[in-house]
Amino acid sequence: MLLHRHHKIPFHAGGKDVPSNIEQLTPKQHAEAHRQLYLKYGRMEDKIAWQGFAGMIGKEEIIEQIQLLAASKGGIASGGGFRGKTHSEKSKHLISIHNKGKQSFLGHRHNADSIARMRSTRAGKQIGKLNSQFGTRWITDDSSTKKIFRSDSIPRGWRPGRVAERLNAALC
């Protein structure tokens, strides 16, 4: 049987990832645990977890609600990209351990391993209609480049491609 790792005190409430704070629950029990936490403390994070585990809301609605919640708290969704995101005390601690006092977390640069992990996490999330470039194409008139929808016709004097592609081919 599939079991979930449930944090008795969730991360969003200051809980730690330690054995004493973790219990194994079935998905149904996990949903009920977050429902109880929501009823007791009224935290939206618990409501989203409860409804997600119970199948009351789908993945896209979960993501949307998390983004709205982050925006209301001044997080990632409020400023676009990661502007406005603050590091938790846990992440500050982990970054300071990683940097070994060499530089602050504000100047942190990712190493090759972390970049590879981030790429593998994103893999498959930019496929088909999920790709931000889906349905568009680049065209050039050999002096400038612009992006148009694939359904649009190419204007006279323009051709498919980018100026940069032509320059790169000439340099090789």
C-alpha atoms as a PDB file:
ATOM      1  CA  MET A   1       0.000   0.000   0.000  1.00  0.00           C
ATOM      2  CA  LEU A   2       1.186   3.510  -0.853  1.00  0.00           C
ATOM      3  CA  LEU A   3       2.043   5.604   2.199  1.00  0.00           C
ATOM      4  CA  HIS A   4       2.734   9.322   2.419  1.00  0.00           C
ATOM      5  CA  ARG A   5       5.270  11.010   4.691  1.00  0.00           C
ATOM      6  CA  HIS A   6       3.206  13.502   6.699  1.00  0.00           C
ATOM      7  CA  HIS A   7       4.862  16.196   8.791  1.00  0.00           C
ATOM      8  CA  LYS A   8       2.880  16.524  12.023  1.00  0.00           C
ATOM      9  CA  ILE A   9       3.966  20.155  12.149  1.00  0.00           C
ATOM     10  CA  PRO A  10       4.140  21.190   8.455  1.00  0.00           C
ATOM     11  CA  PHE A  11       7.065  23.151   7.037  1.00  0.00           C
ATOM     12  CA  HIS A  12       4.802  26.178   6.492  1.00  0.00           C
ATOM     13  CA  ALA A  13       4.108  26.153  10.241  1.00  0.00           C
ATOM     14  CA  GLY A  14       7.772  25.891  11.217  1.00  0.00           C
ATOM     15  CA  GLY A  15       8.007  22.088  11.328  1.00  0.00           C
ATOM     16  CA  LYS A  16      11.292  20.321  10.765  1.00  0.00           C
ATOM     17  CA  ASP A  17      12.197  17.352   8.571  1.00  0.00           C
ATOM     18  CA  VAL A  18      13.115  15.102  11.499  1.00  0.00           C
ATOM     19  CA  PRO A  19      11.867  11.556  12.303  1.00  0.00           C
ATOM     20  CA  SER A  20       9.936  12.698  15.391  1.00  0.00           C
ATOM     21  CA  ASN A  21       7.872  15.049  13.190  1.00  0.00           C
ATOM     22  CA  ILE A  22       7.080  12.480  10.471  1.00  0.00           C
ATOM     23  CA  GLU A  23       4.412   9.813  10.357  1.00  0.00           C
ATOM     24  CA  GLN A  24       3.392   7.400   7.605  1.00  0.00           C
ATOM     25  CA  LEU A  25      -0.225   7.845   6.457  1.00  0.00           C
ATOM     26  CA  THR A  26      -2.392   6.559   3.638  1.00  0.00           C
ATOM     27  CA  PRO A  27      -3.428   9.248   1.132  1.00  0.00           C
ATOM     28  CA  LYS A  28      -6.913   9.335   2.696  1.00  0.00           C
ATOM     29  CA  GLN A  29      -5.445   9.714   6.205  1.00  0.00           C
ATOM     30  CA  HIS A  30      -3.069  12.378   4.915  1.00  0.00           C
ATOM     31  CA  ALA A  31      -5.959  14.386   3.469  1.00  0.00           C
ATOM     32  CA  GLU A  32      -7.842  14.082   6.772  1.00  0.00           C
ATOM     33  CA  ALA A  33      -4.782  15.165   8.778  1.00  0.00           C
ATOM     34  CA  HIS A  34      -4.508  18.378   6.714  1.00  0.00           C
ATOM     35  CA  ARG A  35      -8.287  18.932   6.979  1.00  0.00           C
ATOM     36  CA  GLN A  36      -7.986  18.750  10.761  1.00  0.00           C
ATOM     37  CA  LEU A  37      -5.006  21.142  10.719  1.00  0.00           C
ATOM     38  CA  TYR A  38      -6.994  23.554   8.537  1.00  0.00           C
ATOM     39  CA  LEU A  39     -10.029  23.416  10.822  1.00  0.00           C
ATOM     40  CA  LYS A  40      -7.853  23.957  13.911  1.00  0.00           C
ATOM     41  CA  TYR A  41      -5.495  26.692  12.627  1.00  0.00           C
ATOM     42  CA  GLY A  42      -7.164  28.049   9.468  1.00  0.00           C
ATOM     43  CA  ARG A  43      -3.967  27.967   7.389  1.00  0.00           C
ATOM     44  CA  MET A  44      -4.593  28.038   3.637  1.00  0.00           C
ATOM     45  CA  GLU A  45      -1.574  25.780   3.016  1.00  0.00           C
ATOM     46  CA  ASP A  46      -3.366  23.010   4.941  1.00  0.00           C
ATOM     47  CA  LYS A  47      -6.614  23.620   3.046  1.00  0.00           C
ATOM     48  CA  ILE A  48      -4.792  23.329  -0.295  1.00  0.00           C
ATOM     49  CA  ALA A  49      -3.013  20.134   0.865  1.00  0.00           C
ATOM     50  CA  TRP A  50      -6.266  18.635   2.189  1.00  0.00           C
ATOM     51  CA  GLN A  51      -8.226  19.351  -0.978  1.00  0.00           C
ATOM     52  CA  GLY A  52      -5.363  18.170  -3.196  1.00  0.00           C
ATOM     53  CA  PHE A  53      -4.852  14.867  -1.358  1.00  0.00           C
ATOM     54  CA  ALA A  54      -8.629  14.301  -1.266  1.00  0.00           C
ATOM     55  CA  GLY A  55      -8.872  14.843  -5.035  1.00  0.00           C
ATOM     56  CA  MET A  56     -11.213  17.810  -4.583  1.00  0.00           C
ATOM     57  CA  ILE A  57      -8.949  20.056  -6.662  1.00  0.00           C
ATOM     58  CA  GLY A  58      -6.582  19.215  -9.486  1.00  0.00           C
ATOM     59  CA  LYS A  59      -2.897  19.892  -9.944  1.00  0.00           C
ATOM     60  CA  GLU A  60      -3.397  23.121 -11.915  1.00  0.00           C
ATOM     61  CA  GLU A  61      -5.740  24.563  -9.282  1.00  0.00           C
ATOM     62  CA  ILE A  62      -3.281  23.591  -6.534  1.00  0.00           C
ATOM     63  CA  ILE A  63      -0.512  25.475  -8.356  1.00  0.00           C
ATOM     64  CA  GLU A  64      -2.777  28.484  -8.939  1.00  0.00           C
ATOM     65  CA  GLN A  65      -3.818  28.619  -5.273  1.00  0.00           C
ATOM     66  CA  ILE A  66      -0.205  28.299  -4.093  1.00  0.00           C
ATOM     67  CA  GLN A  67       0.809  31.161  -6.406  1.00  0.00           C
ATOM     68  CA  LEU A  68      -2.052  33.340  -5.154  1.00  0.00           C
ATOM     69  CA  LEU A  69      -1.115  32.543  -1.580  1.00  0.00           C
ATOM     70  CA  ALA A  70       2.536  33.397  -2.259  1.00  0.00           C
ATOM     71  CA  ALA A  71       1.475  36.687  -3.875  1.00  0.00           C
ATOM     72  CA  SER A  72      -0.669  37.606  -0.890  1.00  0.00           C
ATOM     73  CA  LYS A  73       2.342  37.010   1.370  1.00  0.00           C
ATOM     74  CA  GLY A  74       4.705  39.007  -0.871  1.00  0.00           C
ATOM     75  CA  GLY A  75       6.373  35.928  -2.375  1.00  0.00           C
ATOM     76  CA  ILE A  76       7.303  34.833  -5.869  1.00  0.00           C
ATOM     77  CA  ALA A  77       4.044  35.494  -7.659  1.00  0.00           C
ATOM     78  CA  SER A  78       3.880  39.118  -6.442  1.00  0.00           C
ATOM     79  CA  GLY A  79       6.857  40.398  -8.389  1.00  0.00           C
ATOM     80  CA  GLY A  80       7.144  38.010 -11.262  1.00  0.00           C
ATOM     81  CA  GLY A  81       9.976  35.524 -11.497  1.00  0.00           C
ATOM     82  CA  PHE A  82      11.659  35.217  -8.124  1.00  0.00           C
ATOM     83  CA  ARG A  83      11.616  38.905  -7.249  1.00  0.00           C
ATOM     84  CA  GLY A  84      10.310  39.315  -3.734  1.00  0.00           C
ATOM     85  CA  LYS A  85      11.179  35.763  -2.690  1.00  0.00           C
ATOM     86  CA  THR A  86      12.856  35.574   0.665  1.00  0.00           C
ATOM     87  CA  HIS A  87      15.006  32.754   1.938  1.00  0.00           C
ATOM     88  CA  SER A  88      13.721  30.788   4.916  1.00  0.00           C
ATOM     89  CA  GLU A  89      15.986  30.439   7.934  1.00  0.00           C
ATOM     90  CA  LYS A  90      16.502  26.794   6.951  1.00  0.00           C
ATOM     91  CA  SER A  91      17.650  27.694   3.423  1.00  0.00           C
ATOM     92  CA  LYS A  92      19.898  30.493   4.754  1.00  0.00           C
ATOM     93  CA  HIS A  93      21.516  27.950   7.054  1.00  0.00           C
ATOM     94  CA  LEU A  94      21.969  25.395   4.265  1.00  0.00           C
ATOM     95  CA  ILE A  95      23.434  28.021   1.939  1.00  0.00           C
ATOM     96  CA  SER A  96      25.844  29.220   4.631  1.00  0.00           C
ATOM     97  CA  ILE A  97      26.981  25.614   5.179  1.00  0.00           C
ATOM     98  CA  HIS A  98      27.417  25.170   1.417  1.00  0.00           C
ATOM     99  CA  ASN A  99      29.387  28.424   1.080  1.00  0.00           C
ATOM    100  CA  LYS A 100      31.442  27.728   4.235  1.00  0.00           C
ATOM    101  CA  GLY A 101      31.554  31.432   5.030  1.00  0.00           C
ATOM    102  CA  LYS A 102      33.029  32.397   1.638  1.00  0.00           C
ATOM    103  CA  GLN A 103      30.151  34.645   0.589  1.00  0.00           C
ATOM    104  CA  SER A 104      26.620  35.532   1.629  1.00  0.00           C
ATOM    105  CA  PHE A 105      23.585  33.760   0.183  1.00  0.00           C
ATOM    106  CA  LEU A 106      22.883  36.878  -1.880  1.00  0.00           C
ATOM    107  CA  GLY A 107      25.980  36.206  -3.987  1.00  0.00           C
ATOM    108  CA  HIS A 108      25.354  32.474  -4.271  1.00  0.00           C
ATOM    109  CA  ARG A 109      26.143  30.895  -7.628  1.00  0.00           C
ATOM    110  CA  HIS A 110      24.909  27.423  -8.501  1.00  0.00           C
ATOM    111  CA  ASN A 111      27.492  24.719  -9.092  1.00  0.00           C
ATOM    112  CA  ALA A 112      27.290  22.248 -11.995  1.00  0.00           C
ATOM    113  CA  ASP A 113      25.537  19.583  -9.885  1.00  0.00           C
ATOM    114  CA  SER A 114      22.751  21.907  -8.734  1.00  0.00           C
ATOM    115  CA  ILE A 115      22.279  23.213 -12.281  1.00  0.00           C
ATOM    116  CA  ALA A 116      21.931  19.628 -13.535  1.00  0.00           C
ATOM    117  CA  ARG A 117      19.375  18.867 -10.786  1.00  0.00           C
ATOM    118  CA  MET A 118      17.358  21.975 -11.669  1.00  0.00           C
ATOM    119  CA  ARG A 119      17.383  21.027 -15.365  1.00  0.00           C
ATOM    120  CA  SER A 120      16.176  17.489 -14.622  1.00  0.00           C
ATOM    121  CA  THR A 121      13.392  18.917 -12.438  1.00  0.00           C
ATOM    122  CA  ARG A 122      12.225  21.131 -15.304  1.00  0.00           C
ATOM    123  CA  ALA A 123      12.594  18.382 -17.925  1.00  0.00           C
ATOM    124  CA  GLY A 124       9.317  17.555 -19.597  1.00  0.00           C
ATOM    125  CA  LYS A 125       7.543  20.648 -18.280  1.00  0.00           C
ATOM    126  CA  GLN A 126       8.082  22.659 -21.468  1.00  0.00           C
ATOM    127  CA  ILE A 127       6.587  20.146 -23.884  1.00  0.00           C
ATOM    128  CA  GLY A 128       3.823  20.892 -26.384  1.00  0.00           C
ATOM    129  CA  LYS A 129       1.284  23.469 -25.208  1.00  0.00           C
ATOM    130  CA  LEU A 130       3.157  23.798 -21.893  1.00  0.00           C
ATOM    131  CA  ASN A 131       6.074  25.333 -23.801  1.00  0.00           C
ATOM    132  CA  SER A 132       5.979  29.130 -23.593  1.00  0.00           C
ATOM    133  CA  GLN A 133       7.090  29.269 -27.246  1.00  0.00           C
ATOM    134  CA  PHE A 134       4.326  26.915 -28.449  1.00  0.00           C
ATOM    135  CA  GLY A 135       2.585  28.190 -31.573  1.00  0.00           C
ATOM    136  CA  THR A 136       5.184  30.833 -32.447  1.00  0.00           C
ATOM    137  CA  ARG A 137       8.086  31.106 -34.857  1.00  0.00           C
ATOM    138  CA  TRP A 138      10.923  33.479 -35.601  1.00  0.00           C
ATOM    139  CA  ILE A 139      11.191  35.372 -38.858  1.00  0.00           C
ATOM    140  CA  THR A 140      13.894  37.696 -40.216  1.00  0.00           C
ATOM    141  CA  ASP A 141      14.406  40.233 -42.979  1.00  0.00           C
ATOM    142  CA  ASP A 142      18.190  39.733 -42.574  1.00  0.00           C
ATOM    143  CA  SER A 143      18.555  42.927 -40.552  1.00  0.00           C
ATOM    144  CA  SER A 144      16.082  42.320 -37.733  1.00  0.00           C
ATOM    145  CA  THR A 145      14.238  39.434 -36.150  1.00  0.00           C
ATOM    146  CA  LYS A 146      10.754  39.107 -34.707  1.00  0.00           C
ATOM    147  CA  LYS A 147       8.480  36.403 -33.377  1.00  0.00           C
ATOM    148  CA  ILE A 148       5.054  35.765 -34.891  1.00  0.00           C
ATOM    149  CA  PHE A 149       2.307  33.201 -34.377  1.00  0.00           C
ATOM    150  CA  ARG A 150       2.601  30.140 -36.617  1.00  0.00           C
ATOM    151  CA  SER A 151      -0.923  30.823 -37.862  1.00  0.00           C
ATOM    152  CA  ASP A 152       0.161  34.251 -39.198  1.00  0.00           C
ATOM    153  CA  SER A 153       1.494  34.496 -42.734  1.00  0.00           C
ATOM    154  CA  ILE A 154       5.076  35.632 -43.255  1.00  0.00           C
ATOM    155  CA  PRO A 155       5.134  39.209 -44.598  1.00  0.00           C
ATOM    156  CA  ARG A 156       6.749  39.961 -47.967  1.00  0.00           C
ATOM    157  CA  GLY A 157      10.524  40.439 -47.602  1.00  0.00           C
ATOM    158  CA  TRP A 158      10.727  38.233 -44.507  1.00  0.00           C
ATOM    159  CA  ARG A 159      11.732  34.567 -44.174  1.00  0.00           C
ATOM    160  CA  PRO A 160      11.711  31.950 -41.414  1.00  0.00           C
ATOM    161  CA  GLY A 161      14.694  32.046 -39.056  1.00  0.00           C
ATOM    162  CA  ARG A 162      16.697  34.505 -37.010  1.00  0.00           C
ATOM    163  CA  VAL A 163      19.523  36.869 -37.795  1.00  0.00           C
ATOM    164  CA  ALA A 164      21.578  35.267 -35.006  1.00  0.00           C
ATOM    165  CA  GLU A 165      21.317  31.846 -36.688  1.00  0.00           C
ATOM    166  CA  ARG A 166      22.777  33.248 -39.885  1.00  0.00           C
ATOM    167  CA  LEU A 167      25.621  34.997 -38.008  1.00  0.00           C
ATOM    168  CA  ASN A 168      26.433  31.860 -36.032  1.00  0.00           C
ATOM    169  CA  ALA A 169      26.520  29.782 -39.233  1.00  0.00           C
ATOM    170  CA  ALA A 170      28.901  32.294 -40.830  1.00  0.00           C
ATOM    171  CA  LEU A 171      31.234  32.164 -37.825  1.00  0.00           C
ATOM    172  CA  CYS A 172      31.511  28.355 -37.845  1.00  0.00           C
END
